[in-house]
Amino acid sequence: MAKTLIDLDDELLAQARQILGTDTKKATINGALREIVRQWAVVEFGVLARGGVFDELLAVGDPSEAEGGGRTATRPGAAVEFACP
C-alpha cells in the first residue's frame, strides 16, 4: 500500500466518515474508494446486461416443450436441462 500526502476537505471527510461508519481517515478514504469502484461495477454490469452480453446465458426454451408445461432453461454447453414448474 502506498503512502500519499494529500490535502483533504475536513467537512467532506467527516461526512464520509459518518456515512461509512468508519473510525479513521485511512478507513474512510479506503471505504469511499471501494464504494465508488463498487458503484461503477454495478453501472457497468447494467450496461453490459442491457447490451445483451448475458442473453446467451439466460436463454429460455419454449414453455410448451418442458414437462408439465413449465419453463426450460439450458445454459450453453451444459449437459443438464433445468425445468421449472
C-alpha atoms as a PDB file:
ATOM      1  CA  MET A   1       0.000   0.000   0.000  1.00  0.00           C
ATOM      2  CA  ALA A   2       1.355   3.409  -0.972  1.00  0.00           C
ATOM      3  CA  LYS A   3       1.633   6.367   1.353  1.00  0.00           C
ATOM      4  CA  THR A   4       0.446   9.626  -0.193  1.00  0.00           C
ATOM      5  CA  LEU A   5       0.410  13.139   1.214  1.00  0.00           C
ATOM      6  CA  ILE A   6      -2.831  14.892   0.201  1.00  0.00           C
ATOM      7  CA  ASP A   7      -4.943  17.819   1.339  1.00  0.00           C
ATOM      8  CA  LEU A   8      -8.437  16.742   2.365  1.00  0.00           C
ATOM      9  CA  ASP A   9     -11.675  18.633   2.812  1.00  0.00           C
ATOM     10  CA  ASP A  10     -12.238  18.094   6.560  1.00  0.00           C
ATOM     11  CA  GLU A  11     -16.012  18.606   6.369  1.00  0.00           C
ATOM     12  CA  LEU A  12     -16.357  16.187   3.446  1.00  0.00           C
ATOM     13  CA  LEU A  13     -14.157  13.662   5.237  1.00  0.00           C
ATOM     14  CA  ALA A  14     -16.339  13.963   8.365  1.00  0.00           C
ATOM     15  CA  GLN A  15     -19.492  13.385   6.291  1.00  0.00           C
ATOM     16  CA  ALA A  16     -17.939  10.371   4.576  1.00  0.00           C
ATOM     17  CA  ARG A  17     -16.799   9.006   7.945  1.00  0.00           C
ATOM     18  CA  GLN A  18     -20.355   9.295   9.306  1.00  0.00           C
ATOM     19  CA  ILE A  19     -21.925   7.705   6.190  1.00  0.00           C
ATOM     20  CA  LEU A  20     -19.443   4.837   6.108  1.00  0.00           C
ATOM     21  CA  GLY A  21     -19.300   4.381   9.867  1.00  0.00           C
ATOM     22  CA  THR A  22     -15.513   4.413   9.897  1.00  0.00           C
ATOM     23  CA  ASP A  23     -13.194   5.456  12.720  1.00  0.00           C
ATOM     24  CA  THR A  24     -10.061   6.631  10.912  1.00  0.00           C
ATOM     25  CA  LYS A  25      -9.132   8.767   7.925  1.00  0.00           C
ATOM     26  CA  LYS A  26      -7.478   5.763   6.310  1.00  0.00           C
ATOM     27  CA  ALA A  27     -10.568   3.564   6.734  1.00  0.00           C
ATOM     28  CA  THR A  28     -12.806   6.375   5.469  1.00  0.00           C
ATOM     29  CA  ILE A  29     -10.790   7.026   2.340  1.00  0.00           C
ATOM     30  CA  ASN A  30     -10.333   3.324   1.558  1.00  0.00           C
ATOM     31  CA  GLY A  31     -14.047   2.721   2.191  1.00  0.00           C
ATOM     32  CA  ALA A  32     -15.000   5.606  -0.085  1.00  0.00           C
ATOM     33  CA  LEU A  33     -12.702   4.304  -2.828  1.00  0.00           C
ATOM     34  CA  ARG A  34     -14.188   0.800  -2.501  1.00  0.00           C
ATOM     35  CA  GLU A  35     -17.708   2.214  -2.679  1.00  0.00           C
ATOM     36  CA  ILE A  36     -17.079   4.275  -5.819  1.00  0.00           C
ATOM     37  CA  VAL A  37     -15.494   1.262  -7.537  1.00  0.00           C
ATOM     38  CA  ARG A  38     -18.462  -0.900  -6.442  1.00  0.00           C
ATOM     39  CA  GLN A  39     -20.929   1.662  -7.803  1.00  0.00           C
ATOM     40  CA  TRP A  40     -19.042   1.810 -11.110  1.00  0.00           C
ATOM     41  CA  ALA A  41     -19.147  -2.007 -11.344  1.00  0.00           C
ATOM     42  CA  VAL A  42     -22.924  -2.015 -10.758  1.00  0.00           C
ATOM     43  CA  VAL A  43     -23.446   0.551 -13.520  1.00  0.00           C
ATOM     44  CA  GLU A  44     -21.089  -1.303 -15.867  1.00  0.00           C
ATOM     45  CA  PHE A  45     -22.922  -4.580 -15.188  1.00  0.00           C
ATOM     46  CA  GLY A  46     -26.193  -2.876 -16.122  1.00  0.00           C
ATOM     47  CA  VAL A  47     -24.680  -1.509 -19.325  1.00  0.00           C
ATOM     48  CA  LEU A  48     -23.428  -4.972 -20.270  1.00  0.00           C
ATOM     49  CA  ALA A  49     -26.787  -6.555 -19.426  1.00  0.00           C
ATOM     50  CA  ARG A  50     -28.719  -4.005 -21.499  1.00  0.00           C
ATOM     51  CA  GLY A  51     -26.253  -4.605 -24.321  1.00  0.00           C
ATOM     52  CA  GLY A  52     -27.207  -8.285 -24.371  1.00  0.00           C
ATOM     53  CA  VAL A  53     -23.906  -9.759 -23.225  1.00  0.00           C
ATOM     54  CA  PHE A  54     -25.726 -12.155 -20.875  1.00  0.00           C
ATOM     55  CA  ASP A  55     -28.575 -13.101 -23.231  1.00  0.00           C
ATOM     56  CA  GLU A  56     -26.966 -16.381 -24.247  1.00  0.00           C
ATOM     57  CA  LEU A  57     -26.535 -17.379 -20.606  1.00  0.00           C
ATOM     58  CA  LEU A  58     -30.196 -16.639 -19.922  1.00  0.00           C
ATOM     59  CA  ALA A  59     -31.621 -18.444 -22.956  1.00  0.00           C
ATOM     60  CA  VAL A  60     -35.048 -19.846 -22.100  1.00  0.00           C
ATOM     61  CA  GLY A  61     -36.653 -22.614 -24.163  1.00  0.00           C
ATOM     62  CA  ASP A  62     -40.264 -22.781 -25.370  1.00  0.00           C
ATOM     63  CA  PRO A  63     -42.517 -23.355 -22.310  1.00  0.00           C
ATOM     64  CA  SER A  64     -44.596 -25.907 -24.217  1.00  0.00           C
ATOM     65  CA  GLU A  65     -41.526 -28.125 -24.621  1.00  0.00           C
ATOM     66  CA  ALA A  66     -40.990 -28.594 -20.880  1.00  0.00           C
ATOM     67  CA  GLU A  67     -42.581 -31.430 -18.954  1.00  0.00           C
ATOM     68  CA  GLY A  68     -45.676 -30.257 -17.111  1.00  0.00           C
ATOM     69  CA  GLY A  69     -45.860 -27.069 -19.200  1.00  0.00           C
ATOM     70  CA  GLY A  70     -43.138 -25.287 -17.194  1.00  0.00           C
ATOM     71  CA  ARG A  71     -40.207 -23.280 -18.490  1.00  0.00           C
ATOM     72  CA  THR A  72     -36.949 -24.882 -19.567  1.00  0.00           C
ATOM     73  CA  ALA A  73     -33.633 -23.102 -19.318  1.00  0.00           C
ATOM     74  CA  THR A  74     -30.455 -24.556 -20.736  1.00  0.00           C
ATOM     75  CA  ARG A  75     -27.055 -22.984 -20.276  1.00  0.00           C
ATOM     76  CA  PRO A  76     -24.939 -23.109 -23.423  1.00  0.00           C
ATOM     77  CA  GLY A  77     -22.610 -26.094 -23.210  1.00  0.00           C
ATOM     78  CA  ALA A  78     -24.489 -27.531 -20.233  1.00  0.00           C
ATOM     79  CA  ALA A  79     -25.296 -31.234 -20.185  1.00  0.00           C
ATOM     80  CA  VAL A  80     -28.270 -30.737 -17.874  1.00  0.00           C
ATOM     81  CA  GLU A  81     -31.593 -29.136 -18.708  1.00  0.00           C
ATOM     82  CA  PHE A  82     -33.482 -27.493 -15.853  1.00  0.00           C
ATOM     83  CA  ALA A  83     -37.282 -27.481 -15.866  1.00  0.00           C
ATOM     84  CA  CYS A  84     -39.261 -25.099 -13.675  1.00  0.00           C
ATOM     85  CA  PRO A  85     -42.916 -25.959 -12.997  1.00  0.00           C
END
